[in-house]
Amino acid sequence: MAEEVTVPAGFVPLFRKSTLLETLGPFYSKGSGGEVVIGLRAAEKHANLRGIVHGGVLASLADIALGYVTAFGADPPRPFVTVSLTINYTNAAKLGDWIEARVDWIRTGKTMSFANCYLTVGETPIAHASAVFSAAS
């Protein structure tokens, strides 16, 4: 039986699922379109032996949030694939922390989209990511 995860008010299970997201998650969302916030409660599977959330998990969370906002920020939604993802870590997340990913959507053109993502634990910034996406064919 899966352990119940506590999430802040307003967050619901992520509205789209895949095998990868099921394995890495569970992920939660609040809001819609270009304003969606993605959240994750740091569990044992997300951490290294010291109880610190692995940078790869944070990069995945940023990529997921960036992709969702880029795709679902348009009406109708547009399919994009990640071309480039750069992430800088500024602090650590620990077991049990609630991590939120907020996206600042910069620009979307005919074939490319650009956005930034800010990961936080409470008011503490833990990472900043920038991404470039290409329209999927």
C-alpha atoms as a PDB file:
ATOM      1  CA  MET A   1       0.000   0.000   0.000  1.00  0.00           C
ATOM      2  CA  ALA A   2       1.366   3.430  -0.977  1.00  0.00           C
ATOM      3  CA  GLU A   3       2.207   5.889   1.765  1.00  0.00           C
ATOM      4  CA  GLU A   4      -0.143   8.871   1.872  1.00  0.00           C
ATOM      5  CA  VAL A   5       1.531  12.152   0.938  1.00  0.00           C
ATOM      6  CA  THR A   6       0.465  15.425   2.541  1.00  0.00           C
ATOM      7  CA  VAL A   7       0.235  18.340   0.131  1.00  0.00           C
ATOM      8  CA  PRO A   8      -0.561  22.023   0.626  1.00  0.00           C
ATOM      9  CA  ALA A   9      -4.106  23.253   0.054  1.00  0.00           C
ATOM     10  CA  GLY A  10      -5.063  23.698  -3.595  1.00  0.00           C
ATOM     11  CA  PHE A  11      -2.691  21.071  -4.997  1.00  0.00           C
ATOM     12  CA  VAL A  12      -4.125  18.029  -6.761  1.00  0.00           C
ATOM     13  CA  PRO A  13      -2.448  15.065  -8.495  1.00  0.00           C
ATOM     14  CA  LEU A  14      -0.815  16.151 -11.751  1.00  0.00           C
ATOM     15  CA  PHE A  15      -3.420  16.145 -14.529  1.00  0.00           C
ATOM     16  CA  ARG A  16      -1.351  14.058 -16.982  1.00  0.00           C
ATOM     17  CA  LYS A  17       0.479  10.864 -16.170  1.00  0.00           C
ATOM     18  CA  SER A  18       3.175   8.720 -17.709  1.00  0.00           C
ATOM     19  CA  THR A  19       5.253   5.794 -16.523  1.00  0.00           C
ATOM     20  CA  LEU A  20       8.184   8.131 -15.917  1.00  0.00           C
ATOM     21  CA  LEU A  21       6.111  10.602 -13.901  1.00  0.00           C
ATOM     22  CA  GLU A  22       4.626   7.753 -11.863  1.00  0.00           C
ATOM     23  CA  THR A  23       8.128   6.453 -11.111  1.00  0.00           C
ATOM     24  CA  LEU A  24       9.590   9.845 -10.160  1.00  0.00           C
ATOM     25  CA  GLY A  25       6.520  11.294  -8.425  1.00  0.00           C
ATOM     26  CA  PRO A  26       3.970  11.654  -7.258  1.00  0.00           C
ATOM     27  CA  PHE A  27       3.743  15.178  -8.670  1.00  0.00           C
ATOM     28  CA  TYR A  28       0.987  17.661  -7.891  1.00  0.00           C
ATOM     29  CA  SER A  29      -0.260  20.810  -9.575  1.00  0.00           C
ATOM     30  CA  LYS A  30      -2.125  23.972  -8.718  1.00  0.00           C
ATOM     31  CA  GLY A  31      -3.499  26.441 -11.232  1.00  0.00           C
ATOM     32  CA  SER A  32      -3.769  26.011 -14.967  1.00  0.00           C
ATOM     33  CA  GLY A  33      -2.288  27.027 -18.291  1.00  0.00           C
ATOM     34  CA  GLY A  34       0.693  29.326 -18.031  1.00  0.00           C
ATOM     35  CA  GLU A  35       0.116  29.768 -14.292  1.00  0.00           C
ATOM     36  CA  VAL A  36       0.430  26.128 -13.222  1.00  0.00           C
ATOM     37  CA  VAL A  37       2.693  25.387 -10.232  1.00  0.00           C
ATOM     38  CA  ILE A  38       4.110  21.865  -9.922  1.00  0.00           C
ATOM     39  CA  GLY A  39       4.855  20.416  -6.477  1.00  0.00           C
ATOM     40  CA  LEU A  40       6.656  17.385  -5.067  1.00  0.00           C
ATOM     41  CA  ARG A  41       6.981  16.100  -1.498  1.00  0.00           C
ATOM     42  CA  ALA A  42      10.580  14.871  -1.124  1.00  0.00           C
ATOM     43  CA  ALA A  43      10.513  11.165  -0.268  1.00  0.00           C
ATOM     44  CA  GLU A  44      13.257   8.669   0.472  1.00  0.00           C
ATOM     45  CA  LYS A  45      13.434   7.624  -3.192  1.00  0.00           C
ATOM     46  CA  HIS A  46      14.302  11.217  -4.155  1.00  0.00           C
ATOM     47  CA  ALA A  47      17.253  11.576  -1.782  1.00  0.00           C
ATOM     48  CA  ASN A  48      20.865  10.504  -1.513  1.00  0.00           C
ATOM     49  CA  LEU A  49      22.239   8.694   1.536  1.00  0.00           C
ATOM     50  CA  ARG A  50      22.557  12.005   3.424  1.00  0.00           C
ATOM     51  CA  GLY A  51      18.845  12.779   3.018  1.00  0.00           C
ATOM     52  CA  ILE A  52      19.394  15.517   0.428  1.00  0.00           C
ATOM     53  CA  VAL A  53      17.197  15.513  -2.692  1.00  0.00           C
ATOM     54  CA  HIS A  54      19.288  14.468  -5.701  1.00  0.00           C
ATOM     55  CA  GLY A  55      20.020  17.172  -8.265  1.00  0.00           C
ATOM     56  CA  GLY A  56      18.661  14.939 -11.019  1.00  0.00           C
ATOM     57  CA  VAL A  57      15.266  14.885  -9.311  1.00  0.00           C
ATOM     58  CA  LEU A  58      15.273  18.685  -9.120  1.00  0.00           C
ATOM     59  CA  ALA A  59      16.291  18.931 -12.793  1.00  0.00           C
ATOM     60  CA  SER A  60      13.444  16.564 -13.708  1.00  0.00           C
ATOM     61  CA  LEU A  61      10.965  18.611 -11.671  1.00  0.00           C
ATOM     62  CA  ALA A  62      12.112  21.788 -13.429  1.00  0.00           C
ATOM     63  CA  ASP A  63      11.871  20.144 -16.868  1.00  0.00           C
ATOM     64  CA  ILE A  64       8.367  18.859 -16.104  1.00  0.00           C
ATOM     65  CA  ALA A  65       7.159  22.274 -14.909  1.00  0.00           C
ATOM     66  CA  LEU A  66       8.782  24.097 -17.823  1.00  0.00           C
ATOM     67  CA  GLY A  67       7.285  21.647 -20.316  1.00  0.00           C
ATOM     68  CA  TYR A  68       3.786  21.844 -18.863  1.00  0.00           C
ATOM     69  CA  VAL A  69       3.689  25.644 -18.798  1.00  0.00           C
ATOM     70  CA  THR A  70       5.147  25.903 -22.295  1.00  0.00           C
ATOM     71  CA  ALA A  71       2.711  23.366 -23.750  1.00  0.00           C
ATOM     72  CA  PHE A  72      -0.430  24.279 -21.803  1.00  0.00           C
ATOM     73  CA  GLY A  73       0.200  28.026 -21.774  1.00  0.00           C
ATOM     74  CA  ALA A  74      -1.176  28.130 -25.320  1.00  0.00           C
ATOM     75  CA  ASP A  75      -4.762  27.520 -26.418  1.00  0.00           C
ATOM     76  CA  PRO A  76      -4.901  24.959 -27.864  1.00  0.00           C
ATOM     77  CA  PRO A  77      -1.921  23.330 -26.121  1.00  0.00           C
ATOM     78  CA  ARG A  78       1.178  22.906 -28.303  1.00  0.00           C
ATOM     79  CA  PRO A  79       3.575  19.944 -28.158  1.00  0.00           C
ATOM     80  CA  PHE A  80       7.212  20.867 -27.452  1.00  0.00           C
ATOM     81  CA  VAL A  81      10.395  18.907 -26.766  1.00  0.00           C
ATOM     82  CA  THR A  82      13.273  20.091 -24.603  1.00  0.00           C
ATOM     83  CA  VAL A  83      16.270  21.280 -26.639  1.00  0.00           C
ATOM     84  CA  SER A  84      18.309  22.708 -23.774  1.00  0.00           C
ATOM     85  CA  LEU A  85      17.985  22.712 -19.977  1.00  0.00           C
ATOM     86  CA  THR A  86      20.422  24.548 -17.726  1.00  0.00           C
ATOM     87  CA  ILE A  87      20.074  24.408 -13.950  1.00  0.00           C
ATOM     88  CA  ASN A  88      21.902  26.151 -11.126  1.00  0.00           C
ATOM     89  CA  TYR A  89      21.485  24.898  -7.562  1.00  0.00           C
ATOM     90  CA  THR A  90      21.460  27.514  -4.799  1.00  0.00           C
ATOM     91  CA  ASN A  91      20.378  25.466  -1.777  1.00  0.00           C
ATOM     92  CA  ALA A  92      19.341  21.939  -0.821  1.00  0.00           C
ATOM     93  CA  ALA A  93      15.993  20.234  -0.366  1.00  0.00           C
ATOM     94  CA  LYS A  94      15.739  17.519   2.297  1.00  0.00           C
ATOM     95  CA  LEU A  95      13.521  14.531   2.974  1.00  0.00           C
ATOM     96  CA  GLY A  96       9.994  15.675   3.748  1.00  0.00           C
ATOM     97  CA  ASP A  97      10.362  19.102   2.127  1.00  0.00           C
ATOM     98  CA  TRP A  98       7.591  20.380  -0.130  1.00  0.00           C
ATOM     99  CA  ILE A  99       9.252  21.611  -3.336  1.00  0.00           C
ATOM    100  CA  GLU A 100       7.440  23.945  -5.714  1.00  0.00           C
ATOM    101  CA  ALA A 101       8.330  24.765  -9.322  1.00  0.00           C
ATOM    102  CA  ARG A 102       7.108  28.073 -10.733  1.00  0.00           C
ATOM    103  CA  VAL A 103       7.714  29.039 -14.338  1.00  0.00           C
ATOM    104  CA  ASP A 104       8.372  32.425 -15.885  1.00  0.00           C
ATOM    105  CA  TRP A 105       7.415  31.924 -19.515  1.00  0.00           C
ATOM    106  CA  ILE A 106       9.583  34.267 -21.585  1.00  0.00           C
ATOM    107  CA  ARG A 107       8.604  33.847 -25.210  1.00  0.00           C
ATOM    108  CA  THR A 108       7.097  31.392 -27.666  1.00  0.00           C
ATOM    109  CA  GLY A 109       7.556  31.777 -31.394  1.00  0.00           C
ATOM    110  CA  LYS A 110       6.572  29.586 -34.326  1.00  0.00           C
ATOM    111  CA  THR A 111       9.149  26.892 -33.609  1.00  0.00           C
ATOM    112  CA  MET A 112      10.905  27.760 -30.318  1.00  0.00           C
ATOM    113  CA  SER A 113       9.895  28.578 -26.763  1.00  0.00           C
ATOM    114  CA  PHE A 114      11.971  29.979 -23.885  1.00  0.00           C
ATOM    115  CA  ALA A 115      11.240  29.865 -20.152  1.00  0.00           C
ATOM    116  CA  ASN A 116      12.775  30.017 -16.664  1.00  0.00           C
ATOM    117  CA  CYS A 117      11.833  27.909 -13.660  1.00  0.00           C
ATOM    118  CA  TYR A 118      12.349  28.671  -9.985  1.00  0.00           C
ATOM    119  CA  LEU A 119      12.366  25.837  -7.447  1.00  0.00           C
ATOM    120  CA  THR A 120      11.657  26.723  -3.830  1.00  0.00           C
ATOM    121  CA  VAL A 121      11.144  25.123  -0.446  1.00  0.00           C
ATOM    122  CA  GLY A 122       8.889  27.560   1.356  1.00  0.00           C
ATOM    123  CA  GLU A 123      10.412  30.970   0.667  1.00  0.00           C
ATOM    124  CA  THR A 124      13.905  29.534   0.126  1.00  0.00           C
ATOM    125  CA  PRO A 125      15.106  29.366  -3.490  1.00  0.00           C
ATOM    126  CA  ILE A 126      16.882  26.062  -4.151  1.00  0.00           C
ATOM    127  CA  ALA A 127      17.416  26.121  -7.935  1.00  0.00           C
ATOM    128  CA  HIS A 128      16.944  28.155 -11.084  1.00  0.00           C
ATOM    129  CA  ALA A 129      16.560  26.494 -14.483  1.00  0.00           C
ATOM    130  CA  SER A 130      16.379  27.896 -18.001  1.00  0.00           C
ATOM    131  CA  ALA A 131      15.093  25.937 -20.963  1.00  0.00           C
ATOM    132  CA  VAL A 132      14.648  26.141 -24.693  1.00  0.00           C
ATOM    133  CA  PHE A 133      11.970  24.045 -26.365  1.00  0.00           C
ATOM    134  CA  SER A 134      11.340  23.181 -29.991  1.00  0.00           C
ATOM    135  CA  ALA A 135       7.874  22.648 -31.421  1.00  0.00           C
ATOM    136  CA  ALA A 136       7.328  18.891 -31.819  1.00  0.00           C
ATOM    137  CA  SER A 137       6.259  17.685 -35.217  1.00  0.00           C
END
